Amino acid sequence: MFNYVFIFQIICLSATTNKLSNIQKQAEEYAALIMEELDPDDTGFIMVIITYKIILYATDLIFLFIFFTWLLVVLRLLFGHSADF
């Protein structure tokens, strides 16, 4: 289970690692929004199964991004760089 402090720390760590100072400044707000959305009953924690579903969803989005990027490269190779997509 994840709580507000854990979510806040993950946001801060990610923002620091990626040098995103604006995100780091708003980490408390973002953590509160995440908790509000994923903990509607205000239990103070997020169940791991919900987090697992989010990870699966994100993985699907990454796969789609990679697939469409690959498709764009193939189309440009087939039709040349001047093609507009």
C-alpha atoms as a PDB file:
ATOM      1  CA  MET A   1       0.000   0.000   0.000  1.00  0.00           C
ATOM      2  CA  PHE A   2       1.154   3.506  -0.771  1.00  0.00           C
ATOM      3  CA  ASN A   3       0.334   6.580   1.265  1.00  0.00           C
ATOM      4  CA  TYR A   4       0.556  10.322   0.652  1.00  0.00           C
ATOM      5  CA  VAL A   5       4.135  10.614   1.946  1.00  0.00           C
ATOM      6  CA  PHE A   6       5.324   7.839  -0.381  1.00  0.00           C
ATOM      7  CA  ILE A   7       3.616   9.417  -3.407  1.00  0.00           C
ATOM      8  CA  PHE A   8       5.089  12.820  -2.488  1.00  0.00           C
ATOM      9  CA  GLN A   9       8.590  11.356  -2.154  1.00  0.00           C
ATOM     10  CA  ILE A  10       8.333   9.568  -5.516  1.00  0.00           C
ATOM     11  CA  ILE A  11       7.245  12.792  -7.246  1.00  0.00           C
ATOM     12  CA  CYS A  12      10.098  14.741  -5.619  1.00  0.00           C
ATOM     13  CA  LEU A  13      12.660  12.072  -6.475  1.00  0.00           C
ATOM     14  CA  SER A  14      11.484  11.868 -10.076  1.00  0.00           C
ATOM     15  CA  ALA A  15      11.442  15.661 -10.445  1.00  0.00           C
ATOM     16  CA  THR A  16      14.927  15.996  -8.960  1.00  0.00           C
ATOM     17  CA  THR A  17      16.321  13.207 -11.118  1.00  0.00           C
ATOM     18  CA  ASN A  18      14.877  14.758 -14.266  1.00  0.00           C
ATOM     19  CA  LYS A  19      15.755  18.325 -13.216  1.00  0.00           C
ATOM     20  CA  LEU A  20      12.125  19.470 -13.235  1.00  0.00           C
ATOM     21  CA  SER A  21      12.104  22.189 -10.587  1.00  0.00           C
ATOM     22  CA  ASN A  22       8.512  23.291 -11.335  1.00  0.00           C
ATOM     23  CA  ILE A  23       7.228  19.782 -10.697  1.00  0.00           C
ATOM     24  CA  GLN A  24       9.230  19.573  -7.478  1.00  0.00           C
ATOM     25  CA  LYS A  25       7.703  22.846  -6.254  1.00  0.00           C
ATOM     26  CA  GLN A  26       4.191  21.480  -6.839  1.00  0.00           C
ATOM     27  CA  ALA A  27       4.835  17.947  -5.567  1.00  0.00           C
ATOM     28  CA  GLU A  28       2.540  18.373  -2.564  1.00  0.00           C
ATOM     29  CA  GLU A  29      -0.325  19.485  -4.783  1.00  0.00           C
ATOM     30  CA  TYR A  30       0.236  16.624  -7.240  1.00  0.00           C
ATOM     31  CA  ALA A  31       0.460  14.055  -4.447  1.00  0.00           C
ATOM     32  CA  ALA A  32      -2.798  15.377  -2.992  1.00  0.00           C
ATOM     33  CA  LEU A  33      -4.505  15.159  -6.402  1.00  0.00           C
ATOM     34  CA  ILE A  34      -3.289  11.594  -6.911  1.00  0.00           C
ATOM     35  CA  MET A  35      -4.512  10.573  -3.462  1.00  0.00           C
ATOM     36  CA  GLU A  36      -7.841  12.287  -4.064  1.00  0.00           C
ATOM     37  CA  GLU A  37      -8.329  10.404  -7.322  1.00  0.00           C
ATOM     38  CA  LEU A  38      -7.070   6.970  -6.256  1.00  0.00           C
ATOM     39  CA  ASP A  39      -8.303   7.049  -2.642  1.00  0.00           C
ATOM     40  CA  PRO A  40     -11.893   8.301  -2.952  1.00  0.00           C
ATOM     41  CA  ASP A  41     -12.859   6.741   0.396  1.00  0.00           C
ATOM     42  CA  ASP A  42     -10.104   8.740   2.162  1.00  0.00           C
ATOM     43  CA  THR A  43      -8.549   5.673   3.772  1.00  0.00           C
ATOM     44  CA  GLY A  44      -5.085   7.256   3.635  1.00  0.00           C
ATOM     45  CA  PHE A  45      -3.525   4.732   1.294  1.00  0.00           C
ATOM     46  CA  ILE A  46      -3.714   3.383  -2.244  1.00  0.00           C
ATOM     47  CA  MET A  47      -4.143  -0.325  -2.764  1.00  0.00           C
ATOM     48  CA  VAL A  48      -1.359  -2.035  -4.685  1.00  0.00           C
ATOM     49  CA  ILE A  49      -3.807  -3.582  -7.158  1.00  0.00           C
ATOM     50  CA  ILE A  50      -4.894  -0.094  -8.269  1.00  0.00           C
ATOM     51  CA  THR A  51      -1.263   0.928  -8.684  1.00  0.00           C
ATOM     52  CA  TYR A  52      -0.613  -2.265 -10.657  1.00  0.00           C
ATOM     53  CA  LYS A  53      -3.461  -1.384 -13.029  1.00  0.00           C
ATOM     54  CA  ILE A  54      -1.959   2.080 -13.559  1.00  0.00           C
ATOM     55  CA  ILE A  55       1.423   0.533 -14.373  1.00  0.00           C
ATOM     56  CA  LEU A  56      -0.211  -1.822 -16.871  1.00  0.00           C
ATOM     57  CA  TYR A  57      -2.006   1.114 -18.484  1.00  0.00           C
ATOM     58  CA  ALA A  58       1.233   3.111 -18.697  1.00  0.00           C
ATOM     59  CA  THR A  59       3.012   0.098 -20.199  1.00  0.00           C
ATOM     60  CA  ASP A  60       0.318  -0.149 -22.876  1.00  0.00           C
ATOM     61  CA  LEU A  61       0.744   3.547 -23.682  1.00  0.00           C
ATOM     62  CA  ILE A  62       4.514   3.161 -23.967  1.00  0.00           C
ATOM     63  CA  PHE A  63       4.036   0.181 -26.284  1.00  0.00           C
ATOM     64  CA  LEU A  64       1.664   2.201 -28.471  1.00  0.00           C
ATOM     65  CA  PHE A  65       4.109   5.098 -28.594  1.00  0.00           C
ATOM     66  CA  ILE A  66       6.954   2.780 -29.654  1.00  0.00           C
ATOM     67  CA  PHE A  67       4.743   1.097 -32.249  1.00  0.00           C
ATOM     68  CA  PHE A  68       3.603   4.372 -33.839  1.00  0.00           C
ATOM     69  CA  THR A  69       7.137   5.766 -33.787  1.00  0.00           C
ATOM     70  CA  TRP A  70       8.321   2.635 -35.576  1.00  0.00           C
ATOM     71  CA  LEU A  71       5.452   2.918 -38.059  1.00  0.00           C
ATOM     72  CA  LEU A  72       6.351   6.532 -38.791  1.00  0.00           C
ATOM     73  CA  VAL A  73       9.983   5.537 -39.448  1.00  0.00           C
ATOM     74  CA  VAL A  74       8.890   2.759 -41.796  1.00  0.00           C
ATOM     75  CA  LEU A  75       6.527   5.082 -43.689  1.00  0.00           C
ATOM     76  CA  ARG A  76       9.253   7.680 -44.073  1.00  0.00           C
ATOM     77  CA  LEU A  77      11.636   5.039 -45.374  1.00  0.00           C
ATOM     78  CA  LEU A  78       9.036   3.824 -47.862  1.00  0.00           C
ATOM     79  CA  PHE A  79       7.806   7.216 -49.063  1.00  0.00           C
ATOM     80  CA  GLY A  80      10.814   9.447 -48.441  1.00  0.00           C
ATOM     81  CA  HIS A  81      11.519  12.223 -45.947  1.00  0.00           C
ATOM     82  CA  SER A  82       9.387  14.786 -47.761  1.00  0.00           C
ATOM     83  CA  ALA A  83       6.140  12.960 -46.989  1.00  0.00           C
ATOM     84  CA  ASP A  84       3.804  14.771 -44.628  1.00  0.00           C
ATOM     85  CA  PHE A  85       2.090  12.659 -42.016  1.00  0.00           C
END
